[in-house]
PDB file of all heavy atoms in Angstrom:
ATOM      1  N   PHE A   1     -22.953   2.549   8.130  1.00  0.00           N
ATOM      2  CA  PHE A   1     -24.199   3.000   7.909  1.00  0.00           C
ATOM      3  C   PHE A   1     -25.291   2.003   7.928  1.00  0.00           C
ATOM      4  O   PHE A   1     -26.523   2.380   7.941  1.00  0.00           O
ATOM      5  CB  PHE A   1     -24.233   3.908   6.589  1.00  0.00           C
ATOM      6  CG  PHE A   1     -23.563   5.337   6.663  1.00  0.00           C
ATOM      7  CD1 PHE A   1     -22.702   5.540   7.741  1.00  0.00           C
ATOM      8  CD2 PHE A   1     -23.879   6.234   5.748  1.00  0.00           C
ATOM      9  CE1 PHE A   1     -21.954   6.836   7.795  1.00  0.00           C
ATOM     10  CE2 PHE A   1     -23.250   7.487   5.787  1.00  0.00           C
ATOM     11  CZ  PHE A   1     -22.412   7.748   6.788  1.00  0.00           C
ATOM     12  N   PHE A   2     -24.935   0.817   7.655  1.00  0.00           N
ATOM     13  CA  PHE A   2     -25.850  -0.339   7.578  1.00  0.00           C
ATOM     14  C   PHE A   2     -26.427  -0.680   8.943  1.00  0.00           C
ATOM     15  O   PHE A   2     -25.948  -0.335   9.920  1.00  0.00           O
ATOM     16  CB  PHE A   2     -25.254  -1.551   6.986  1.00  0.00           C
ATOM     17  CG  PHE A   2     -25.016  -1.451   5.437  1.00  0.00           C
ATOM     18  CD1 PHE A   2     -23.956  -0.737   4.929  1.00  0.00           C
ATOM     19  CD2 PHE A   2     -25.834  -2.143   4.606  1.00  0.00           C
ATOM     20  CE1 PHE A   2     -23.828  -0.717   3.613  1.00  0.00           C
ATOM     21  CE2 PHE A   2     -25.672  -2.159   3.252  1.00  0.00           C
ATOM     22  CZ  PHE A   2     -24.565  -1.403   2.770  1.00  0.00           C
ATOM     23  N   PRO A   3     -27.640  -1.272   9.007  1.00  0.00           N
ATOM     24  CA  PRO A   3     -28.171  -1.787  10.240  1.00  0.00           C
ATOM     25  C   PRO A   3     -27.181  -2.761  10.830  1.00  0.00           C
ATOM     26  O   PRO A   3     -26.359  -3.301  10.229  1.00  0.00           O
ATOM     27  CB  PRO A   3     -29.446  -2.546  10.062  1.00  0.00           C
ATOM     28  CG  PRO A   3     -29.871  -1.991   8.578  1.00  0.00           C
ATOM     29  CD  PRO A   3     -28.633  -1.616   7.868  1.00  0.00           C
ATOM     30  N   GLU A   4     -27.175  -2.857  12.224  1.00  0.00           N
ATOM     31  CA  GLU A   4     -26.196  -3.694  12.972  1.00  0.00           C
ATOM     32  C   GLU A   4     -26.083  -5.092  12.363  1.00  0.00           C
ATOM     33  O   GLU A   4     -25.022  -5.716  12.203  1.00  0.00           O
ATOM     34  CB  GLU A   4     -26.497  -3.747  14.355  1.00  0.00           C
ATOM     35  CG  GLU A   4     -25.508  -4.408  15.302  1.00  0.00           C
ATOM     36  CD  GLU A   4     -25.671  -4.484  16.612  1.00  0.00           C
ATOM     37  OE1 GLU A   4     -26.705  -3.760  17.000  1.00  0.00           O
ATOM     38  OE2 GLU A   4     -24.948  -5.045  17.431  1.00  0.00           O
ATOM     39  N   TRP A   5     -27.247  -5.761  12.045  1.00  0.00           N
ATOM     40  CA  TRP A   5     -27.200  -7.135  11.679  1.00  0.00           C
ATOM     41  C   TRP A   5     -26.515  -7.291  10.269  1.00  0.00           C
ATOM     42  O   TRP A   5     -25.785  -8.207  10.016  1.00  0.00           O
ATOM     43  CB  TRP A   5     -28.750  -7.738  11.504  1.00  0.00           C
ATOM     44  CG  TRP A   5     -29.488  -7.053  10.517  1.00  0.00           C
ATOM     45  CD1 TRP A   5     -30.333  -5.989  10.747  1.00  0.00           C
ATOM     46  CD2 TRP A   5     -29.598  -7.376   9.141  1.00  0.00           C
ATOM     47  NE1 TRP A   5     -30.998  -5.626   9.525  1.00  0.00           N
ATOM     48  CE2 TRP A   5     -30.544  -6.565   8.543  1.00  0.00           C
ATOM     49  CE3 TRP A   5     -28.940  -8.371   8.279  1.00  0.00           C
ATOM     50  CZ2 TRP A   5     -30.830  -6.575   7.185  1.00  0.00           C
ATOM     51  CZ3 TRP A   5     -29.274  -8.424   6.991  1.00  0.00           C
ATOM     52  CH2 TRP A   5     -30.209  -7.511   6.547  1.00  0.00           C
ATOM     53  N   ALA A   6     -26.792  -6.230   9.484  1.00  0.00           N
ATOM     54  CA  ALA A   6     -26.185  -6.169   8.037  1.00  0.00           C
ATOM     55  C   ALA A   6     -24.621  -6.104   8.189  1.00  0.00           C
ATOM     56  O   ALA A   6     -23.930  -6.557   7.456  1.00  0.00           O
ATOM     57  CB  ALA A   6     -26.880  -5.186   7.207  1.00  0.00           C
ATOM     58  N   ARG A   7     -24.248  -5.158   9.064  1.00  0.00           N
ATOM     59  CA  ARG A   7     -22.802  -4.957   9.388  1.00  0.00           C
ATOM     60  C   ARG A   7     -22.105  -6.264   9.731  1.00  0.00           C
ATOM     61  O   ARG A   7     -21.068  -6.598   9.222  1.00  0.00           O
ATOM     62  CB  ARG A   7     -22.623  -3.906  10.395  1.00  0.00           C
ATOM     63  CG  ARG A   7     -22.948  -2.506   9.910  1.00  0.00           C
ATOM     64  CD  ARG A   7     -22.345  -1.542  10.898  1.00  0.00           C
ATOM     65  NE  ARG A   7     -22.641  -1.666  12.338  1.00  0.00           N
ATOM     66  CZ  ARG A   7     -23.560  -1.012  13.001  1.00  0.00           C
ATOM     67  NH1 ARG A   7     -24.402  -0.269  12.264  1.00  0.00           N
ATOM     68  NH2 ARG A   7     -23.797  -1.376  14.227  1.00  0.00           N
ATOM     69  N   ASP A   8     -22.723  -6.977  10.645  1.00  0.00           N
ATOM     70  CA  ASP A   8     -22.085  -8.196  11.241  1.00  0.00           C
ATOM     71  C   ASP A   8     -22.082  -9.218  10.019  1.00  0.00           C
ATOM     72  O   ASP A   8     -21.082  -9.878   9.838  1.00  0.00           O
ATOM     73  CB  ASP A   8     -22.918  -8.768  12.272  1.00  0.00           C
ATOM     74  CG  ASP A   8     -22.997  -7.880  13.610  1.00  0.00           C
ATOM     75  OD1 ASP A   8     -22.054  -7.177  13.711  1.00  0.00           O
ATOM     76  OD2 ASP A   8     -24.018  -7.998  14.316  1.00  0.00           O
ATOM     77  N   VAL A   9     -23.164  -9.390   9.252  1.00  0.00           N
ATOM     78  CA  VAL A   9     -22.974 -10.227   8.073  1.00  0.00           C
ATOM     79  C   VAL A   9     -21.901  -9.828   7.105  1.00  0.00           C
ATOM     80  O   VAL A   9     -21.149 -10.754   6.726  1.00  0.00           O
ATOM     81  CB  VAL A   9     -24.439 -10.314   7.395  1.00  0.00           C
ATOM     82  CG1 VAL A   9     -24.259 -11.081   6.077  1.00  0.00           C
ATOM     83  CG2 VAL A   9     -25.478 -10.879   8.322  1.00  0.00           C
ATOM     84  N   LEU A  10     -21.903  -8.600   6.756  1.00  0.00           N
ATOM     85  CA  LEU A  10     -20.828  -8.112   5.800  1.00  0.00           C
ATOM     86  C   LEU A  10     -19.443  -8.416   6.271  1.00  0.00           C
ATOM     87  O   LEU A  10     -18.505  -8.696   5.351  1.00  0.00           O
ATOM     88  CB  LEU A  10     -21.042  -6.597   5.537  1.00  0.00           C
ATOM     89  CG  LEU A  10     -22.237  -6.297   4.538  1.00  0.00           C
ATOM     90  CD1 LEU A  10     -22.342  -4.738   4.314  1.00  0.00           C
ATOM     91  CD2 LEU A  10     -21.890  -6.940   3.008  1.00  0.00           C
ATOM     92  N   TRP A  11     -19.249  -8.168   7.552  1.00  0.00           N
ATOM     93  CA  TRP A  11     -17.875  -8.314   8.034  1.00  0.00           C
ATOM     94  C   TRP A  11     -17.393  -9.815   8.095  1.00  0.00           C
ATOM     95  O   TRP A  11     -16.254 -10.207   8.405  1.00  0.00           O
ATOM     96  CB  TRP A  11     -17.500  -7.723   9.398  1.00  0.00           C
ATOM     97  CG  TRP A  11     -17.423  -6.180   9.257  1.00  0.00           C
ATOM     98  CD1 TRP A  11     -18.210  -5.178   9.471  1.00  0.00           C
ATOM     99  CD2 TRP A  11     -16.131  -5.582   8.772  1.00  0.00           C
ATOM    100  NE1 TRP A  11     -17.608  -3.885   9.216  1.00  0.00           N
ATOM    101  CE2 TRP A  11     -16.372  -4.212   8.785  1.00  0.00           C
ATOM    102  CE3 TRP A  11     -14.928  -6.066   8.459  1.00  0.00           C
ATOM    103  CZ2 TRP A  11     -15.333  -3.221   8.436  1.00  0.00           C
ATOM    104  CZ3 TRP A  11     -13.884  -5.234   8.073  1.00  0.00           C
ATOM    105  CH2 TRP A  11     -14.120  -3.778   8.178  1.00  0.00           C
ATOM    106  N   MET A  12     -18.414 -10.720   7.824  1.00  0.00           N
ATOM    107  CA  MET A  12     -18.049 -12.255   7.879  1.00  0.00           C
ATOM    108  C   MET A  12     -17.720 -12.608   6.298  1.00  0.00           C
ATOM    109  O   MET A  12     -17.478 -13.734   6.007  1.00  0.00           O
ATOM    110  CB  MET A  12     -19.215 -13.021   8.417  1.00  0.00           C
ATOM    111  CG  MET A  12     -19.330 -12.840   9.903  1.00  0.00           C
ATOM    112  SD  MET A  12     -20.494 -13.995  10.598  1.00  0.00           S
ATOM    113  CE  MET A  12     -22.056 -13.329   9.964  1.00  0.00           C
ATOM    114  N   THR A  13     -17.879 -11.684   5.461  1.00  0.00           N
ATOM    115  CA  THR A  13     -17.484 -11.789   3.994  1.00  0.00           C
ATOM    116  C   THR A  13     -16.212 -11.107   3.606  1.00  0.00           C
ATOM    117  O   THR A  13     -15.847 -10.287   4.345  1.00  0.00           O
ATOM    118  CB  THR A  13     -18.685 -11.376   3.028  1.00  0.00           C
ATOM    119  OG1 THR A  13     -18.645  -9.917   3.031  1.00  0.00           O
ATOM    120  CG2 THR A  13     -20.073 -11.801   3.708  1.00  0.00           C
ATOM    121  N   PRO A  14     -15.674 -11.212   2.342  1.00  0.00           N
ATOM    122  CA  PRO A  14     -14.451 -10.577   2.081  1.00  0.00           C
ATOM    123  C   PRO A  14     -14.676  -9.165   1.499  1.00  0.00           C
ATOM    124  O   PRO A  14     -13.853  -8.420   1.348  1.00  0.00           O
ATOM    125  CB  PRO A  14     -13.962 -11.371   0.850  1.00  0.00           C
ATOM    126  CG  PRO A  14     -15.124 -12.132   0.373  1.00  0.00           C
ATOM    127  CD  PRO A  14     -15.986 -12.396   1.495  1.00  0.00           C
ATOM    128  N   PHE A  15     -15.966  -8.786   1.347  1.00  0.00           N
ATOM    129  CA  PHE A  15     -16.260  -7.520   0.787  1.00  0.00           C
ATOM    130  C   PHE A  15     -15.605  -6.306   1.385  1.00  0.00           C
ATOM    131  O   PHE A  15     -15.039  -5.399   0.878  1.00  0.00           O
ATOM    132  CB  PHE A  15     -17.802  -7.289   0.577  1.00  0.00           C
ATOM    133  CG  PHE A  15     -18.381  -8.115  -0.502  1.00  0.00           C
ATOM    134  CD1 PHE A  15     -19.089  -9.317  -0.121  1.00  0.00           C
ATOM    135  CD2 PHE A  15     -18.220  -7.994  -1.882  1.00  0.00           C
ATOM    136  CE1 PHE A  15     -19.673 -10.063  -1.107  1.00  0.00           C
ATOM    137  CE2 PHE A  15     -18.707  -8.715  -2.760  1.00  0.00           C
ATOM    138  CZ  PHE A  15     -19.389  -9.782  -2.468  1.00  0.00           C
ATOM    139  N   PRO A  16     -15.795  -6.111   2.831  1.00  0.00           N
ATOM    140  CA  PRO A  16     -15.224  -4.928   3.406  1.00  0.00           C
ATOM    141  C   PRO A  16     -13.772  -4.871   3.266  1.00  0.00           C
ATOM    142  O   PRO A  16     -13.067  -3.795   3.529  1.00  0.00           O
ATOM    143  CB  PRO A  16     -15.688  -5.062   4.934  1.00  0.00           C
ATOM    144  CG  PRO A  16     -16.979  -5.889   4.919  1.00  0.00           C
ATOM    145  CD  PRO A  16     -16.675  -6.782   3.643  1.00  0.00           C
ATOM    146  N   ALA A  17     -12.955  -6.121   3.146  1.00  0.00           N
ATOM    147  CA  ALA A  17     -11.585  -6.045   2.896  1.00  0.00           C
ATOM    148  C   ALA A  17     -11.063  -5.260   1.682  1.00  0.00           C
ATOM    149  O   ALA A  17      -9.959  -4.999   1.614  1.00  0.00           O
ATOM    150  CB  ALA A  17     -11.119  -7.531   2.894  1.00  0.00           C
ATOM    151  N   LEU A  18     -12.074  -5.061   0.845  1.00  0.00           N
ATOM    152  CA  LEU A  18     -11.716  -4.483  -0.411  1.00  0.00           C
ATOM    153  C   LEU A  18     -11.483  -2.954  -0.322  1.00  0.00           C
ATOM    154  O   LEU A  18     -10.721  -2.308  -0.882  1.00  0.00           O
ATOM    155  CB  LEU A  18     -12.819  -4.674  -1.533  1.00  0.00           C
ATOM    156  CG  LEU A  18     -12.895  -6.151  -1.859  1.00  0.00           C
ATOM    157  CD1 LEU A  18     -14.244  -6.287  -2.692  1.00  0.00           C
ATOM    158  CD2 LEU A  18     -11.721  -6.560  -2.796  1.00  0.00           C
ATOM    159  N   MET A  19     -12.382  -2.287   0.530  1.00  0.00           N
ATOM    160  CA  MET A  19     -12.406  -0.816   0.530  1.00  0.00           C
ATOM    161  C   MET A  19     -12.559  -0.295   1.985  1.00  0.00           C
ATOM    162  O   MET A  19     -11.934   0.590   2.491  1.00  0.00           O
ATOM    163  CB  MET A  19     -13.559  -0.248  -0.248  1.00  0.00           C
ATOM    164  CG  MET A  19     -13.542  -0.583  -1.757  1.00  0.00           C
ATOM    165  SD  MET A  19     -12.405   0.358  -2.638  1.00  0.00           S
ATOM    166  CE  MET A  19     -13.101   1.939  -2.694  1.00  0.00           C
ATOM    167  N   GLN A  20     -13.462  -0.899   2.844  1.00  0.00           N
ATOM    168  CA  GLN A  20     -13.813  -0.283   4.122  1.00  0.00           C
ATOM    169  C   GLN A  20     -12.739  -0.479   5.037  1.00  0.00           C
ATOM    170  O   GLN A  20     -12.288   0.359   5.822  1.00  0.00           O
ATOM    171  CB  GLN A  20     -15.163  -1.065   4.599  1.00  0.00           C
ATOM    172  CG  GLN A  20     -15.638  -0.353   5.892  1.00  0.00           C
ATOM    173  CD  GLN A  20     -16.057   1.075   5.629  1.00  0.00           C
ATOM    174  OE1 GLN A  20     -16.994   1.341   4.930  1.00  0.00           O
ATOM    175  NE2 GLN A  20     -15.496   2.173   6.340  1.00  0.00           N
ATOM    176  N   ALA A  21     -11.928  -1.650   4.934  1.00  0.00           N
ATOM    177  CA  ALA A  21     -10.911  -1.987   5.866  1.00  0.00           C
ATOM    178  C   ALA A  21      -9.753  -0.924   5.842  1.00  0.00           C
ATOM    179  O   ALA A  21      -9.426  -0.460   6.970  1.00  0.00           O
ATOM    180  CB  ALA A  21     -10.355  -3.406   5.582  1.00  0.00           C
ATOM    181  N   PRO A  22      -9.143  -0.689   4.716  1.00  0.00           N
ATOM    182  CA  PRO A  22      -8.173   0.385   4.758  1.00  0.00           C
ATOM    183  C   PRO A  22      -8.608   1.695   5.146  1.00  0.00           C
ATOM    184  O   PRO A  22      -7.857   2.491   5.747  1.00  0.00           O
ATOM    185  CB  PRO A  22      -7.562   0.271   3.312  1.00  0.00           C
ATOM    186  CG  PRO A  22      -8.517  -0.318   2.438  1.00  0.00           C
ATOM    187  CD  PRO A  22      -9.257  -1.306   3.425  1.00  0.00           C
ATOM    188  N   ILE A  23      -9.842   2.186   4.791  1.00  0.00           N
ATOM    189  CA  ILE A  23     -10.385   3.321   5.162  1.00  0.00           C
ATOM    190  C   ILE A  23     -10.529   3.370   6.723  1.00  0.00           C
ATOM    191  O   ILE A  23     -10.254   4.397   7.407  1.00  0.00           O
ATOM    192  CB  ILE A  23     -11.722   3.631   4.384  1.00  0.00           C
ATOM    193  CG1 ILE A  23     -11.506   3.766   2.975  1.00  0.00           C
ATOM    194  CG2 ILE A  23     -12.392   4.839   5.038  1.00  0.00           C
ATOM    195  CD1 ILE A  23     -12.853   3.941   2.195  1.00  0.00           C
ATOM    196  N   ASP A  24     -11.008   2.308   7.310  1.00  0.00           N
ATOM    197  CA  ASP A  24     -11.208   2.316   8.737  1.00  0.00           C
ATOM    198  C   ASP A  24      -9.788   2.422   9.491  1.00  0.00           C
ATOM    199  O   ASP A  24      -9.724   3.045  10.456  1.00  0.00           O
ATOM    200  CB  ASP A  24     -11.861   1.036   9.187  1.00  0.00           C
ATOM    201  CG  ASP A  24     -13.340   1.031   9.081  1.00  0.00           C
ATOM    202  OD1 ASP A  24     -13.895   2.107   8.688  1.00  0.00           O
ATOM    203  OD2 ASP A  24     -13.939  -0.064   9.284  1.00  0.00           O
ATOM    204  N   ILE A  25      -8.699   1.882   8.925  1.00  0.00           N
ATOM    205  CA  ILE A  25      -7.351   1.885   9.476  1.00  0.00           C
ATOM    206  C   ILE A  25      -6.998   3.370   9.412  1.00  0.00           C
ATOM    207  O   ILE A  25      -6.377   3.944  10.381  1.00  0.00           O
ATOM    208  CB  ILE A  25      -6.464   1.004   8.750  1.00  0.00           C
ATOM    209  CG1 ILE A  25      -6.734  -0.349   9.146  1.00  0.00           C
ATOM    210  CG2 ILE A  25      -5.055   1.322   9.147  1.00  0.00           C
ATOM    211  CD1 ILE A  25      -5.861  -1.434   8.476  1.00  0.00           C
ATOM    212  N   PHE A  26      -7.170   4.042   8.240  1.00  0.00           N
ATOM    213  CA  PHE A  26      -6.773   5.400   8.164  1.00  0.00           C
ATOM    214  C   PHE A  26      -7.527   6.317   9.123  1.00  0.00           C
ATOM    215  O   PHE A  26      -6.963   7.300   9.736  1.00  0.00           O
ATOM    216  CB  PHE A  26      -7.106   5.911   6.656  1.00  0.00           C
ATOM    217  CG  PHE A  26      -6.329   7.254   6.310  1.00  0.00           C
ATOM    218  CD1 PHE A  26      -5.140   7.370   5.858  1.00  0.00           C
ATOM    219  CD2 PHE A  26      -7.048   8.424   6.621  1.00  0.00           C
ATOM    220  CE1 PHE A  26      -4.583   8.620   5.541  1.00  0.00           C
ATOM    221  CE2 PHE A  26      -6.539   9.746   6.359  1.00  0.00           C
ATOM    222  CZ  PHE A  26      -5.317   9.713   5.825  1.00  0.00           C
ATOM    223  N   LEU A  27      -8.827   6.203   9.340  1.00  0.00           N
ATOM    224  CA  LEU A  27      -9.587   7.060  10.013  1.00  0.00           C
ATOM    225  C   LEU A  27      -9.434   6.699  11.520  1.00  0.00           C
ATOM    226  O   LEU A  27      -9.905   7.542  12.452  1.00  0.00           O
ATOM    227  CB  LEU A  27     -11.022   6.865   9.753  1.00  0.00           C
ATOM    228  CG  LEU A  27     -11.540   7.585   8.314  1.00  0.00           C
ATOM    229  CD1 LEU A  27     -12.983   7.212   7.975  1.00  0.00           C
ATOM    230  CD2 LEU A  27     -11.297   9.022   8.330  1.00  0.00           C
ATOM    231  N   GLY A  28      -8.894   5.635  11.980  1.00  0.00           N
ATOM    232  CA  GLY A  28      -8.797   5.260  13.323  1.00  0.00           C
ATOM    233  C   GLY A  28     -10.031   4.535  13.873  1.00  0.00           C
ATOM    234  O   GLY A  28     -10.101   4.578  15.072  1.00  0.00           O
ATOM    235  N   HIS A  29     -10.778   3.861  13.060  1.00  0.00           N
ATOM    236  CA  HIS A  29     -11.891   3.079  13.476  1.00  0.00           C
ATOM    237  C   HIS A  29     -11.518   1.620  13.744  1.00  0.00           C
ATOM    238  O   HIS A  29     -11.155   0.986  12.715  1.00  0.00           O
ATOM    239  CB  HIS A  29     -13.036   3.217  12.346  1.00  0.00           C
ATOM    240  CG  HIS A  29     -13.595   4.619  12.270  1.00  0.00           C
ATOM    241  ND1 HIS A  29     -14.477   4.895  11.206  1.00  0.00           N
ATOM    242  CD2 HIS A  29     -13.453   5.718  12.978  1.00  0.00           C
ATOM    243  CE1 HIS A  29     -14.807   6.270  11.341  1.00  0.00           C
ATOM    244  NE2 HIS A  29     -14.142   6.682  12.414  1.00  0.00           N
TER     245      HIS A  29
END
């Protein structure tokens, strides 16, 4: 939902590994 530049920055940090990563795997993203 974030702007593209914010998404790119966040995925260079460990934060999405906490919640977003397993959710994406489940949803097929």
